Structures are given as structure tokens and as C-alpha cells.
PDB file of N, CA and C in Angstrom:
ATOM      1  N   MET A   1     -20.113  13.923   1.105  1.00  0.00           N
ATOM      2  CA  MET A   1     -19.265  14.017   2.265  1.00  0.00           C
ATOM      3  C   MET A   1     -18.749  12.597   2.688  1.00  0.00           C
ATOM      4  N   PHE A   2     -19.806  11.688   2.741  1.00  0.00           N
ATOM      5  CA  PHE A   2     -19.523  10.307   3.074  1.00  0.00           C
ATOM      6  C   PHE A   2     -18.570   9.665   2.199  1.00  0.00           C
ATOM      7  N   LEU A   3     -18.617   9.933   0.944  1.00  0.00           N
ATOM      8  CA  LEU A   3     -17.757   9.450  -0.069  1.00  0.00           C
ATOM      9  C   LEU A   3     -16.227   9.878   0.152  1.00  0.00           C
ATOM     10  N   VAL A   4     -16.036  11.021   0.625  1.00  0.00           N
ATOM     11  CA  VAL A   4     -14.674  11.489   0.928  1.00  0.00           C
ATOM     12  C   VAL A   4     -14.116  10.722   2.100  1.00  0.00           C
ATOM     13  N   TRP A   5     -14.859  10.503   3.111  1.00  0.00           N
ATOM     14  CA  TRP A   5     -14.392   9.756   4.296  1.00  0.00           C
ATOM     15  C   TRP A   5     -14.157   8.320   3.873  1.00  0.00           C
ATOM     16  N   LEU A   6     -15.027   7.762   3.081  1.00  0.00           N
ATOM     17  CA  LEU A   6     -14.832   6.405   2.622  1.00  0.00           C
ATOM     18  C   LEU A   6     -13.516   6.299   1.777  1.00  0.00           C
ATOM     19  N   LYS A   7     -13.174   7.191   0.935  1.00  0.00           N
ATOM     20  CA  LYS A   7     -12.003   7.231   0.159  1.00  0.00           C
ATOM     21  C   LYS A   7     -10.763   7.290   1.187  1.00  0.00           C
ATOM     22  N   LEU A   8     -10.988   8.167   2.139  1.00  0.00           N
ATOM     23  CA  LEU A   8      -9.775   8.373   3.128  1.00  0.00           C
ATOM     24  C   LEU A   8      -9.524   6.998   3.853  1.00  0.00           C
ATOM     25  N   PHE A   9     -10.524   6.353   4.250  1.00  0.00           N
ATOM     26  CA  PHE A   9     -10.371   5.086   5.052  1.00  0.00           C
ATOM     27  C   PHE A   9      -9.822   3.996   4.174  1.00  0.00           C
ATOM     28  N   ILE A  10     -10.262   4.028   2.877  1.00  0.00           N
ATOM     29  CA  ILE A  10      -9.666   3.021   1.992  1.00  0.00           C
ATOM     30  C   ILE A  10      -8.255   3.188   1.749  1.00  0.00           C
ATOM     31  N   CYS A  11      -7.819   4.561   1.532  1.00  0.00           N
ATOM     32  CA  CYS A  11      -6.526   4.807   1.271  1.00  0.00           C
ATOM     33  C   CYS A  11      -5.620   4.579   2.549  1.00  0.00           C
ATOM     34  N   ALA A  12      -6.172   4.800   3.717  1.00  0.00           N
ATOM     35  CA  ALA A  12      -5.480   4.522   4.960  1.00  0.00           C
ATOM     36  C   ALA A  12      -5.203   3.067   5.088  1.00  0.00           C
ATOM     37  N   ALA A  13      -6.217   2.208   4.803  1.00  0.00           N
ATOM     38  CA  ALA A  13      -6.126   0.778   4.874  1.00  0.00           C
ATOM     39  C   ALA A  13      -4.993   0.286   3.823  1.00  0.00           C
ATOM     40  N   LEU A  14      -5.050   0.844   2.689  1.00  0.00           N
ATOM     41  CA  LEU A  14      -4.075   0.494   1.714  1.00  0.00           C
ATOM     42  C   LEU A  14      -2.563   0.791   2.102  1.00  0.00           C
ATOM     43  N   VAL A  15      -2.472   1.979   2.710  1.00  0.00           N
ATOM     44  CA  VAL A  15      -1.117   2.420   3.188  1.00  0.00           C
ATOM     45  C   VAL A  15      -0.686   1.424   4.256  1.00  0.00           C
ATOM     46  N   ILE A  16      -1.543   1.054   5.285  1.00  0.00           N
ATOM     47  CA  ILE A  16      -1.131   0.154   6.236  1.00  0.00           C
ATOM     48  C   ILE A  16      -0.802  -1.225   5.696  1.00  0.00           C
ATOM     49  N   PHE A  17      -1.563  -1.716   4.816  1.00  0.00           N
ATOM     50  CA  PHE A  17      -1.297  -3.032   4.181  1.00  0.00           C
ATOM     51  C   PHE A  17      -0.009  -3.077   3.413  1.00  0.00           C
ATOM     52  N   PHE A  18       0.154  -2.022   2.537  1.00  0.00           N
ATOM     53  CA  PHE A  18       1.443  -2.074   1.707  1.00  0.00           C
ATOM     54  C   PHE A  18       2.635  -1.587   2.442  1.00  0.00           C
ATOM     55  N   GLY A  19       2.449  -0.828   3.614  1.00  0.00           N
ATOM     56  CA  GLY A  19       3.581  -0.485   4.475  1.00  0.00           C
ATOM     57  C   GLY A  19       4.148  -1.672   5.146  1.00  0.00           C
ATOM     58  N   ALA A  20       3.276  -2.561   5.543  1.00  0.00           N
ATOM     59  CA  ALA A  20       3.711  -3.921   6.228  1.00  0.00           C
ATOM     60  C   ALA A  20       4.403  -4.758   5.225  1.00  0.00           C
ATOM     61  N   LYS A  21       3.869  -4.820   3.923  1.00  0.00           N
ATOM     62  CA  LYS A  21       4.583  -5.601   2.889  1.00  0.00           C
ATOM     63  C   LYS A  21       5.965  -4.911   2.569  1.00  0.00           C
ATOM     64  N   LEU A  22       5.973  -3.573   2.579  1.00  0.00           N
ATOM     65  CA  LEU A  22       7.247  -2.917   2.152  1.00  0.00           C
ATOM     66  C   LEU A  22       8.324  -3.243   3.237  1.00  0.00           C
ATOM     67  N   SER A  23       7.871  -3.256   4.504  1.00  0.00           N
ATOM     68  CA  SER A  23       8.873  -3.563   5.581  1.00  0.00           C
ATOM     69  C   SER A  23       9.339  -5.038   5.464  1.00  0.00           C
ATOM     70  N   ARG A  24       8.351  -5.901   5.205  1.00  0.00           N
ATOM     71  CA  ARG A  24       8.847  -7.334   5.119  1.00  0.00           C
ATOM     72  C   ARG A  24       9.737  -7.497   3.835  1.00  0.00           C
ATOM     73  N   TYR A  25       9.437  -6.932   2.795  1.00  0.00           N
ATOM     74  CA  TYR A  25      10.303  -7.002   1.594  1.00  0.00           C
ATOM     75  C   TYR A  25      11.595  -6.376   1.796  1.00  0.00           C
ATOM     76  N   GLY A  26      11.631  -5.259   2.504  1.00  0.00           N
ATOM     77  CA  GLY A  26      12.861  -4.543   2.791  1.00  0.00           C
ATOM     78  C   GLY A  26      13.808  -5.486   3.607  1.00  0.00           C
ATOM     79  N   ASP A  27      13.163  -6.160   4.570  1.00  0.00           N
ATOM     80  CA  ASP A  27      13.946  -7.066   5.425  1.00  0.00           C
ATOM     81  C   ASP A  27      14.543  -8.258   4.565  1.00  0.00           C
ATOM     82  N   ILE A  28      13.751  -8.772   3.567  1.00  0.00           N
ATOM     83  CA  ILE A  28      14.258  -9.882   2.767  1.00  0.00           C
ATOM     84  C   ILE A  28      15.414  -9.275   1.872  1.00  0.00           C
ATOM     85  N   ILE A  29      15.206  -8.158   1.342  1.00  0.00           N
ATOM     86  CA  ILE A  29      16.316  -7.575   0.434  1.00  0.00           C
ATOM     87  C   ILE A  29      17.559  -7.430   1.312  1.00  0.00           C
ATOM     88  N   ALA A  30      17.412  -6.952   2.526  1.00  0.00           N
ATOM     89  CA  ALA A  30      18.624  -6.780   3.439  1.00  0.00           C
ATOM     90  C   ALA A  30      19.267  -8.088   3.690  1.00  0.00           C
ATOM     91  N   GLU A  31      18.602  -9.182   3.867  1.00  0.00           N
ATOM     92  CA  GLU A  31      19.197 -10.490   4.094  1.00  0.00           C
ATOM     93  C   GLU A  31      19.786 -11.029   2.854  1.00  0.00           C
ATOM     94  N   LYS A  32      19.132 -10.875   1.634  1.00  0.00           N
ATOM     95  CA  LYS A  32      19.642 -11.432   0.513  1.00  0.00           C
ATOM     96  C   LYS A  32      20.910 -10.698  -0.052  1.00  0.00           C
ATOM     97  N   THR A  33      20.930  -9.390   0.132  1.00  0.00           N
ATOM     98  CA  THR A  33      22.031  -8.581  -0.385  1.00  0.00           C
ATOM     99  C   THR A  33      23.163  -8.455   0.694  1.00  0.00           C
ATOM    100  N   ARG A  34      22.885  -8.876   1.871  1.00  0.00           N
ATOM    101  CA  ARG A  34      23.753  -8.677   3.017  1.00  0.00           C
ATOM    102  C   ARG A  34      24.177  -7.197   3.289  1.00  0.00           C
ATOM    103  N   LEU A  35      23.331  -6.294   2.929  1.00  0.00           N
ATOM    104  CA  LEU A  35      23.578  -4.943   3.218  1.00  0.00           C
ATOM    105  C   LEU A  35      23.269  -4.600   4.653  1.00  0.00           C
ATOM    106  N   GLY A  36      22.342  -5.269   5.239  1.00  0.00           N
ATOM    107  CA  GLY A  36      21.867  -5.042   6.551  1.00  0.00           C
ATOM    108  C   GLY A  36      20.646  -4.126   6.549  1.00  0.00           C
ATOM    109  N   GLY A  37      19.900  -4.240   7.667  1.00  0.00           N
ATOM    110  CA  GLY A  37      18.708  -3.408   7.825  1.00  0.00           C
ATOM    111  C   GLY A  37      18.909  -1.949   7.773  1.00  0.00           C
ATOM    112  N   LEU A  38      20.064  -1.514   8.300  1.00  0.00           N
ATOM    113  CA  LEU A  38      20.254  -0.101   8.464  1.00  0.00           C
ATOM    114  C   LEU A  38      20.364   0.489   7.033  1.00  0.00           C
ATOM    115  N   TRP A  39      21.188  -0.106   6.086  1.00  0.00           N
ATOM    116  CA  TRP A  39      21.353   0.535   4.834  1.00  0.00           C
ATOM    117  C   TRP A  39      20.095   0.334   3.948  1.00  0.00           C
ATOM    118  N   VAL A  40      19.461  -0.788   4.032  1.00  0.00           N
ATOM    119  CA  VAL A  40      18.235  -0.926   3.242  1.00  0.00           C
ATOM    120  C   VAL A  40      17.197   0.049   3.730  1.00  0.00           C
ATOM    121  N   GLY A  41      17.086   0.246   5.036  1.00  0.00           N
ATOM    122  CA  GLY A  41      16.178   1.191   5.548  1.00  0.00           C
ATOM    123  C   GLY A  41      16.452   2.707   5.136  1.00  0.00           C
ATOM    124  N   LEU A  42      17.745   2.983   5.079  1.00  0.00           N
ATOM    125  CA  LEU A  42      18.228   4.259   4.695  1.00  0.00           C
ATOM    126  C   LEU A  42      18.025   4.539   3.182  1.00  0.00           C
ATOM    127  N   LEU A  43      18.436   3.591   2.480  1.00  0.00           N
ATOM    128  CA  LEU A  43      18.435   3.776   1.017  1.00  0.00           C
ATOM    129  C   LEU A  43      17.060   3.513   0.343  1.00  0.00           C
ATOM    130  N   LEU A  44      16.463   2.419   0.708  1.00  0.00           N
ATOM    131  CA  LEU A  44      15.218   2.053   0.077  1.00  0.00           C
ATOM    132  C   LEU A  44      13.951   2.488   0.738  1.00  0.00           C
ATOM    133  N   LEU A  45      13.787   2.174   1.975  1.00  0.00           N
ATOM    134  CA  LEU A  45      12.588   2.450   2.723  1.00  0.00           C
ATOM    135  C   LEU A  45      12.405   3.926   2.896  1.00  0.00           C
ATOM    136  N   ALA A  46      13.493   4.721   3.204  1.00  0.00           N
ATOM    137  CA  ALA A  46      13.329   6.185   3.364  1.00  0.00           C
ATOM    138  C   ALA A  46      12.924   6.824   2.046  1.00  0.00           C
ATOM    139  N   VAL A  47      13.533   6.437   0.996  1.00  0.00           N
ATOM    140  CA  VAL A  47      13.132   7.067  -0.298  1.00  0.00           C
ATOM    141  C   VAL A  47      11.758   6.708  -0.719  1.00  0.00           C
ATOM    142  N   VAL A  48      11.293   5.389  -0.485  1.00  0.00           N
ATOM    143  CA  VAL A  48       9.915   5.016  -0.915  1.00  0.00           C
ATOM    144  C   VAL A  48       8.935   5.748  -0.021  1.00  0.00           C
ATOM    145  N   THR A  49       9.220   5.763   1.281  1.00  0.00           N
ATOM    146  CA  THR A  49       8.179   6.344   2.125  1.00  0.00           C
ATOM    147  C   THR A  49       8.133   7.885   2.086  1.00  0.00           C
ATOM    148  N   SER A  50       9.189   8.526   1.429  1.00  0.00           N
ATOM    149  CA  SER A  50       9.173   9.939   1.278  1.00  0.00           C
ATOM    150  C   SER A  50       8.549  10.396   0.005  1.00  0.00           C
ATOM    151  N   LEU A  51       8.275   9.426  -0.847  1.00  0.00           N
ATOM    152  CA  LEU A  51       7.678   9.783  -2.146  1.00  0.00           C
ATOM    153  C   LEU A  51       6.270  10.503  -2.083  1.00  0.00           C
ATOM    154  N   PRO A  52       5.410  10.133  -1.151  1.00  0.00           N
ATOM    155  CA  PRO A  52       4.180  10.823  -1.021  1.00  0.00           C
ATOM    156  C   PRO A  52       4.283  12.271  -0.721  1.00  0.00           C
ATOM    157  N   GLU A  53       5.208  12.646   0.137  1.00  0.00           N
ATOM    158  CA  GLU A  53       5.442  14.053   0.482  1.00  0.00           C
ATOM    159  C   GLU A  53       6.126  14.778  -0.723  1.00  0.00           C
ATOM    160  N   LEU A  54       6.891  14.138  -1.562  1.00  0.00           N
ATOM    161  CA  LEU A  54       7.486  14.732  -2.681  1.00  0.00           C
ATOM    162  C   LEU A  54       6.346  14.941  -3.702  1.00  0.00           C
ATOM    163  N   VAL A  55       5.551  13.969  -4.044  1.00  0.00           N
ATOM    164  CA  VAL A  55       4.488  14.171  -4.952  1.00  0.00           C
ATOM    165  C   VAL A  55       3.518  15.259  -4.534  1.00  0.00           C
ATOM    166  N   THR A  56       3.144  15.214  -3.322  1.00  0.00           N
ATOM    167  CA  THR A  56       2.223  16.221  -2.720  1.00  0.00           C
ATOM    168  C   THR A  56       2.864  17.682  -2.816  1.00  0.00           C
ATOM    169  N   GLY A  57       4.161  17.796  -2.540  1.00  0.00           N
ATOM    170  CA  GLY A  57       4.767  19.084  -2.592  1.00  0.00           C
ATOM    171  C   GLY A  57       4.839  19.572  -4.001  1.00  0.00           C
ATOM    172  N   ILE A  58       5.204  18.671  -4.895  1.00  0.00           N
ATOM    173  CA  ILE A  58       5.327  19.090  -6.281  1.00  0.00           C
ATOM    174  C   ILE A  58       3.899  19.513  -6.898  1.00  0.00           C
ATOM    175  N   GLY A  59       2.846  18.636  -6.494  1.00  0.00           N
ATOM    176  CA  GLY A  59       1.577  18.971  -6.894  1.00  0.00           C
ATOM    177  C   GLY A  59       1.002  20.182  -6.348  1.00  0.00           C
ATOM    178  N   ALA A  60       1.349  20.477  -5.141  1.00  0.00           N
ATOM    179  CA  ALA A  60       0.899  21.768  -4.463  1.00  0.00           C
ATOM    180  C   ALA A  60       1.467  22.943  -5.225  1.00  0.00           C
ATOM    181  N   VAL A  61       2.656  22.896  -5.597  1.00  0.00           N
ATOM    182  CA  VAL A  61       3.261  23.994  -6.245  1.00  0.00           C
ATOM    183  C   VAL A  61       3.018  24.126  -7.683  1.00  0.00           C
ATOM    184  N   ALA A  62       3.143  23.035  -8.433  1.00  0.00           N
ATOM    185  CA  ALA A  62       2.949  22.986  -9.876  1.00  0.00           C
ATOM    186  C   ALA A  62       1.433  23.016 -10.320  1.00  0.00           C
ATOM    187  N   VAL A  63       0.600  22.293  -9.682  1.00  0.00           N
ATOM    188  CA  VAL A  63      -0.796  22.202 -10.105  1.00  0.00           C
ATOM    189  C   VAL A  63      -1.686  23.239  -9.410  1.00  0.00           C
ATOM    190  N   VAL A  64      -1.511  23.334  -8.091  1.00  0.00           N
ATOM    191  CA  VAL A  64      -2.444  24.226  -7.331  1.00  0.00           C
ATOM    192  C   VAL A  64      -1.798  25.692  -7.239  1.00  0.00           C
ATOM    193  N   GLY A  65      -0.477  25.720  -7.274  1.00  0.00           N
ATOM    194  CA  GLY A  65       0.205  27.065  -7.181  1.00  0.00           C
ATOM    195  C   GLY A  65       0.173  27.540  -5.708  1.00  0.00           C
ATOM    196  N   SER A  66       0.422  26.662  -4.773  1.00  0.00           N
ATOM    197  CA  SER A  66       0.366  27.002  -3.387  1.00  0.00           C
ATOM    198  C   SER A  66       1.669  26.440  -2.711  1.00  0.00           C
ATOM    199  N   PRO A  67       2.727  27.234  -2.759  1.00  0.00           N
ATOM    200  CA  PRO A  67       3.930  26.823  -1.991  1.00  0.00           C
ATOM    201  C   PRO A  67       3.735  26.724  -0.550  1.00  0.00           C
ATOM    202  N   ASP A  68       2.861  27.495   0.040  1.00  0.00           N
ATOM    203  CA  ASP A  68       2.575  27.324   1.478  1.00  0.00           C
ATOM    204  C   ASP A  68       2.080  25.885   1.841  1.00  0.00           C
ATOM    205  N   LEU A  69       1.296  25.323   0.977  1.00  0.00           N
ATOM    206  CA  LEU A  69       0.800  23.970   1.229  1.00  0.00           C
ATOM    207  C   LEU A  69       1.918  23.009   1.098  1.00  0.00           C
ATOM    208  N   ALA A  70       2.860  23.202   0.182  1.00  0.00           N
ATOM    209  CA  ALA A  70       3.978  22.257   0.072  1.00  0.00           C
ATOM    210  C   ALA A  70       4.821  22.341   1.353  1.00  0.00           C
ATOM    211  N   MET A  71       5.053  23.537   1.821  1.00  0.00           N
ATOM    212  CA  MET A  71       5.929  23.714   3.035  1.00  0.00           C
ATOM    213  C   MET A  71       5.153  23.081   4.221  1.00  0.00           C
ATOM    214  N   GLY A  72       3.875  23.276   4.296  1.00  0.00           N
ATOM    215  CA  GLY A  72       3.074  22.676   5.452  1.00  0.00           C
ATOM    216  C   GLY A  72       3.199  21.127   5.326  1.00  0.00           C
ATOM    217  N   THR A  73       3.139  20.679   4.185  1.00  0.00           N
ATOM    218  CA  THR A  73       3.273  19.187   3.990  1.00  0.00           C
ATOM    219  C   THR A  73       4.596  18.586   4.523  1.00  0.00           C
ATOM    220  N   ALA A  74       5.656  19.366   4.095  1.00  0.00           N
ATOM    221  CA  ALA A  74       7.019  18.874   4.583  1.00  0.00           C
ATOM    222  C   ALA A  74       7.196  19.018   6.078  1.00  0.00           C
ATOM    223  N   PHE A  75       6.817  20.173   6.627  1.00  0.00           N
ATOM    224  CA  PHE A  75       7.041  20.393   8.011  1.00  0.00           C
ATOM    225  C   PHE A  75       6.057  19.520   8.855  1.00  0.00           C
ATOM    226  N   GLY A  76       4.813  19.406   8.376  1.00  0.00           N
ATOM    227  CA  GLY A  76       3.832  18.565   9.050  1.00  0.00           C
ATOM    228  C   GLY A  76       4.318  17.049   9.076  1.00  0.00           C
ATOM    229  N   SER A  77       4.830  16.529   8.035  1.00  0.00           N
ATOM    230  CA  SER A  77       5.259  15.306   7.968  1.00  0.00           C
ATOM    231  C   SER A  77       6.433  14.919   8.997  1.00  0.00           C
ATOM    232  N   ASN A  78       7.376  15.825   8.990  1.00  0.00           N
ATOM    233  CA  ASN A  78       8.435  15.773   9.947  1.00  0.00           C
ATOM    234  C   ASN A  78       8.035  15.822  11.349  1.00  0.00           C
ATOM    235  N   LEU A  79       7.133  16.784  11.666  1.00  0.00           N
ATOM    236  CA  LEU A  79       6.569  16.895  13.025  1.00  0.00           C
ATOM    237  C   LEU A  79       5.812  15.607  13.431  1.00  0.00           C
ATOM    238  N   PHE A  80       5.197  14.999  12.495  1.00  0.00           N
ATOM    239  CA  PHE A  80       4.322  13.821  12.809  1.00  0.00           C
ATOM    240  C   PHE A  80       5.308  12.730  13.121  1.00  0.00           C
ATOM    241  N   HIS A  81       6.411  12.544  12.335  1.00  0.00           N
ATOM    242  CA  HIS A  81       7.383  11.512  12.678  1.00  0.00           C
ATOM    243  C   HIS A  81       7.988  11.735  13.979  1.00  0.00           C
ATOM    244  N   LEU A  82       8.341  12.930  14.386  1.00  0.00           N
ATOM    245  CA  LEU A  82       8.852  13.210  15.722  1.00  0.00           C
ATOM    246  C   LEU A  82       7.850  12.900  16.805  1.00  0.00           C
ATOM    247  N   ALA A  83       6.528  13.118  16.539  1.00  0.00           N
ATOM    248  CA  ALA A  83       5.560  12.687  17.525  1.00  0.00           C
ATOM    249  C   ALA A  83       5.417  11.215  17.651  1.00  0.00           C
ATOM    250  N   ILE A  84       5.593  10.511  16.630  1.00  0.00           N
ATOM    251  CA  ILE A  84       5.549   9.009  16.728  1.00  0.00           C
ATOM    252  C   ILE A  84       6.740   8.465  17.526  1.00  0.00           C
ATOM    253  N   ILE A  85       7.905   9.059  17.358  1.00  0.00           N
ATOM    254  CA  ILE A  85       9.137   8.724  18.160  1.00  0.00           C
ATOM    255  C   ILE A  85       8.833   9.071  19.648  1.00  0.00           C
ATOM    256  N   ALA A  86       8.217  10.137  19.895  1.00  0.00           N
ATOM    257  CA  ALA A  86       7.914  10.592  21.269  1.00  0.00           C
ATOM    258  C   ALA A  86       6.943   9.694  21.950  1.00  0.00           C
ATOM    259  N   ILE A  87       5.923   9.215  21.150  1.00  0.00           N
ATOM    260  CA  ILE A  87       4.919   8.301  21.728  1.00  0.00           C
ATOM    261  C   ILE A  87       5.531   6.995  21.993  1.00  0.00           C
ATOM    262  N   LEU A  88       6.382   6.421  21.136  1.00  0.00           N
ATOM    263  CA  LEU A  88       7.070   5.150  21.379  1.00  0.00           C
ATOM    264  C   LEU A  88       8.052   5.347  22.519  1.00  0.00           C
ATOM    265  N   ALA A  89       8.730   6.422  22.706  1.00  0.00           N
ATOM    266  CA  ALA A  89       9.683   6.506  23.813  1.00  0.00           C
ATOM    267  C   ALA A  89       8.889   6.610  25.087  1.00  0.00           C
ATOM    268  N   GLY A  90       7.642   7.173  25.209  1.00  0.00           N
ATOM    269  CA  GLY A  90       6.830   7.220  26.342  1.00  0.00           C
ATOM    270  C   GLY A  90       6.238   5.827  26.666  1.00  0.00           C
ATOM    271  N   ALA A  91       5.800   5.149  25.552  1.00  0.00           N
ATOM    272  CA  ALA A  91       5.203   3.868  25.794  1.00  0.00           C
ATOM    273  C   ALA A  91       6.146   2.708  26.274  1.00  0.00           C
ATOM    274  N   TYR A  92       7.403   2.865  25.826  1.00  0.00           N
ATOM    275  CA  TYR A  92       8.345   1.740  26.226  1.00  0.00           C
ATOM    276  C   TYR A  92       9.419   2.324  27.194  1.00  0.00           C
ATOM    277  N   ARG A  93       9.040   3.243  28.037  1.00  0.00           N
ATOM    278  CA  ARG A  93       9.992   3.889  28.992  1.00  0.00           C
ATOM    279  C   ARG A  93      10.446   2.824  30.062  1.00  0.00           C
ATOM    280  N   HIS A  94       9.558   1.949  30.372  1.00  0.00           N
ATOM    281  CA  HIS A  94       9.913   0.903  31.449  1.00  0.00           C
ATOM    282  C   HIS A  94      11.013   0.016  30.950  1.00  0.00           C
ATOM    283  N   GLN A  95      11.344  -0.084  29.677  1.00  0.00           N
ATOM    284  CA  GLN A  95      12.336  -0.973  29.193  1.00  0.00           C
ATOM    285  C   GLN A  95      13.662  -0.224  28.969  1.00  0.00           C
ATOM    286  N   GLY A  96      13.809   0.999  29.329  1.00  0.00           N
ATOM    287  CA  GLY A  96      14.964   1.852  29.120  1.00  0.00           C
ATOM    288  C   GLY A  96      14.748   2.848  28.069  1.00  0.00           C
ATOM    289  N   PRO A  97      15.702   3.716  27.788  1.00  0.00           N
ATOM    290  CA  PRO A  97      15.637   4.801  26.785  1.00  0.00           C
ATOM    291  C   PRO A  97      15.487   4.148  25.404  1.00  0.00           C
ATOM    292  N   LEU A  98      14.629   4.637  24.589  1.00  0.00           N
ATOM    293  CA  LEU A  98      14.369   4.213  23.231  1.00  0.00           C
ATOM    294  C   LEU A  98      15.665   4.299  22.428  1.00  0.00           C
ATOM    295  N   LEU A  99      16.401   5.248  22.448  1.00  0.00           N
ATOM    296  CA  LEU A  99      17.590   5.320  21.658  1.00  0.00           C
ATOM    297  C   LEU A  99      18.668   4.343  22.139  1.00  0.00           C
ATOM    298  N   ALA A 100      18.580   3.822  23.435  1.00  0.00           N
ATOM    299  CA  ALA A 100      19.533   2.816  23.830  1.00  0.00           C
ATOM    300  C   ALA A 100      19.383   1.534  23.045  1.00  0.00           C
ATOM    301  N   TRP A 101      18.155   1.368  22.583  1.00  0.00           N
ATOM    302  CA  TRP A 101      17.953   0.064  21.732  1.00  0.00           C
ATOM    303  C   TRP A 101      18.501   0.152  20.412  1.00  0.00           C
ATOM    304  N   ALA A 102      18.703   1.330  19.931  1.00  0.00           N
ATOM    305  CA  ALA A 102      19.235   1.451  18.504  1.00  0.00           C
ATOM    306  C   ALA A 102      20.716   1.078  18.520  1.00  0.00           C
ATOM    307  N   GLY A 103      21.072   0.479  17.300  1.00  0.00           N
ATOM    308  CA  GLY A 103      22.539   0.219  17.165  1.00  0.00           C
ATOM    309  C   GLY A 103      23.366   1.504  16.976  1.00  0.00           C
ATOM    310  N   ALA A 104      24.678   1.219  17.022  1.00  0.00           N
ATOM    311  CA  ALA A 104      25.637   2.382  16.880  1.00  0.00           C
ATOM    312  C   ALA A 104      25.432   3.128  15.398  1.00  0.00           C
ATOM    313  N   GLY A 105      25.168   2.291  14.468  1.00  0.00           N
ATOM    314  CA  GLY A 105      24.954   2.787  13.148  1.00  0.00           C
ATOM    315  C   GLY A 105      23.743   3.842  13.089  1.00  0.00           C
ATOM    316  N   HIS A 106      22.648   3.439  13.732  1.00  0.00           N
ATOM    317  CA  HIS A 106      21.507   4.327  13.833  1.00  0.00           C
ATOM    318  C   HIS A 106      21.852   5.643  14.525  1.00  0.00           C
ATOM    319  N   ARG A 107      22.645   5.535  15.584  1.00  0.00           N
ATOM    320  CA  ARG A 107      22.994   6.759  16.277  1.00  0.00           C
ATOM    321  C   ARG A 107      23.912   7.651  15.435  1.00  0.00           C
ATOM    322  N   LEU A 108      24.827   7.011  14.678  1.00  0.00           N
ATOM    323  CA  LEU A 108      25.641   7.817  13.818  1.00  0.00           C
ATOM    324  C   LEU A 108      24.742   8.579  12.722  1.00  0.00           C
ATOM    325  N   LEU A 109      23.831   7.862  12.106  1.00  0.00           N
ATOM    326  CA  LEU A 109      22.898   8.510  11.164  1.00  0.00           C
ATOM    327  C   LEU A 109      22.081   9.559  11.779  1.00  0.00           C
ATOM    328  N   ALA A 110      21.583   9.310  12.973  1.00  0.00           N
ATOM    329  CA  ALA A 110      20.799  10.331  13.673  1.00  0.00           C
ATOM    330  C   ALA A 110      21.685  11.627  13.877  1.00  0.00           C
ATOM    331  N   GLY A 111      22.949  11.397  14.245  1.00  0.00           N
ATOM    332  CA  GLY A 111      23.822  12.484  14.434  1.00  0.00           C
ATOM    333  C   GLY A 111      24.052  13.313  13.092  1.00  0.00           C
ATOM    334  N   VAL A 112      24.205  12.558  12.051  1.00  0.00           N
ATOM    335  CA  VAL A 112      24.386  13.191  10.733  1.00  0.00           C
ATOM    336  C   VAL A 112      23.079  13.892  10.263  1.00  0.00           C
ATOM    337  N   GLY A 113      21.897  13.360  10.611  1.00  0.00           N
ATOM    338  CA  GLY A 113      20.677  14.000  10.315  1.00  0.00           C
ATOM    339  C   GLY A 113      20.446  15.312  11.158  1.00  0.00           C
ATOM    340  N   ILE A 114      20.880  15.302  12.402  1.00  0.00           N
ATOM    341  CA  ILE A 114      20.807  16.490  13.188  1.00  0.00           C
ATOM    342  C   ILE A 114      21.722  17.559  12.592  1.00  0.00           C
ATOM    343  N   VAL A 115      22.936  17.237  12.262  1.00  0.00           N
ATOM    344  CA  VAL A 115      23.860  18.210  11.653  1.00  0.00           C
ATOM    345  C   VAL A 115      23.231  18.764  10.337  1.00  0.00           C
ATOM    346  N   LEU A 116      22.666  17.958   9.556  1.00  0.00           N
ATOM    347  CA  LEU A 116      22.107  18.413   8.229  1.00  0.00           C
ATOM    348  C   LEU A 116      20.950  19.318   8.530  1.00  0.00           C
TER     349      LEU A 116
END
């Protein structure tokens, strides 16, 4: 049982470490290509950070034979991201609405995401 928790904490530490690196490199790519952070975040970071859910979903269906587990992973991930946004909005409430900080391009993409 201890070994399982140890593996979990090691994986969590690796995700945090490489997530910070990914953000830094995405910012560098945005500057070098002059695409801007919005497009690099949309095209590169969104795809890369969605790969774990994709692999987990495919593994749940193809290897384990449990489509319910795949759907739980997809919905759980989306709900967790919404919870993060809600926590940030509550934590920074004294500086104005969180969405007011976002640029017009982010608001447009948010609207497209809602429609989809």
C-alpha cells in the first residue's frame, strides 16, 4: 500500500515539475514564432495537457473494457478544471472579476467553447 502512495507522489511531483517547464517553453515558442500566448496555449498546451485523459480513456475502453471509466475520466477532468477556475475567481475576487483580466481573444474562445 505504501508503494502505491509513493508512486502517486512521485508522479504528482513529476507532473508539477514538467508542467512548469511546459508553460515556460510554451511562452518561449509564443515569443519566437510571434503567434502569441493565446494561440500557443490553444494549439500546443491544450493538446499536450489533454493527452493523459486521451490515453486514460483509450486504455479504459481498449485494455480494461470499461467505457464508464473513460466517461468518468473525461467528465471528472472537466469538472476539476471548472473547480480550479472557481477557486481562482474566489481567491482573486478583491481585484475584480477573473474574466475581466482575460483578453478579448480568450473571451471569444470561451464563447466558442460554450457553444461547442
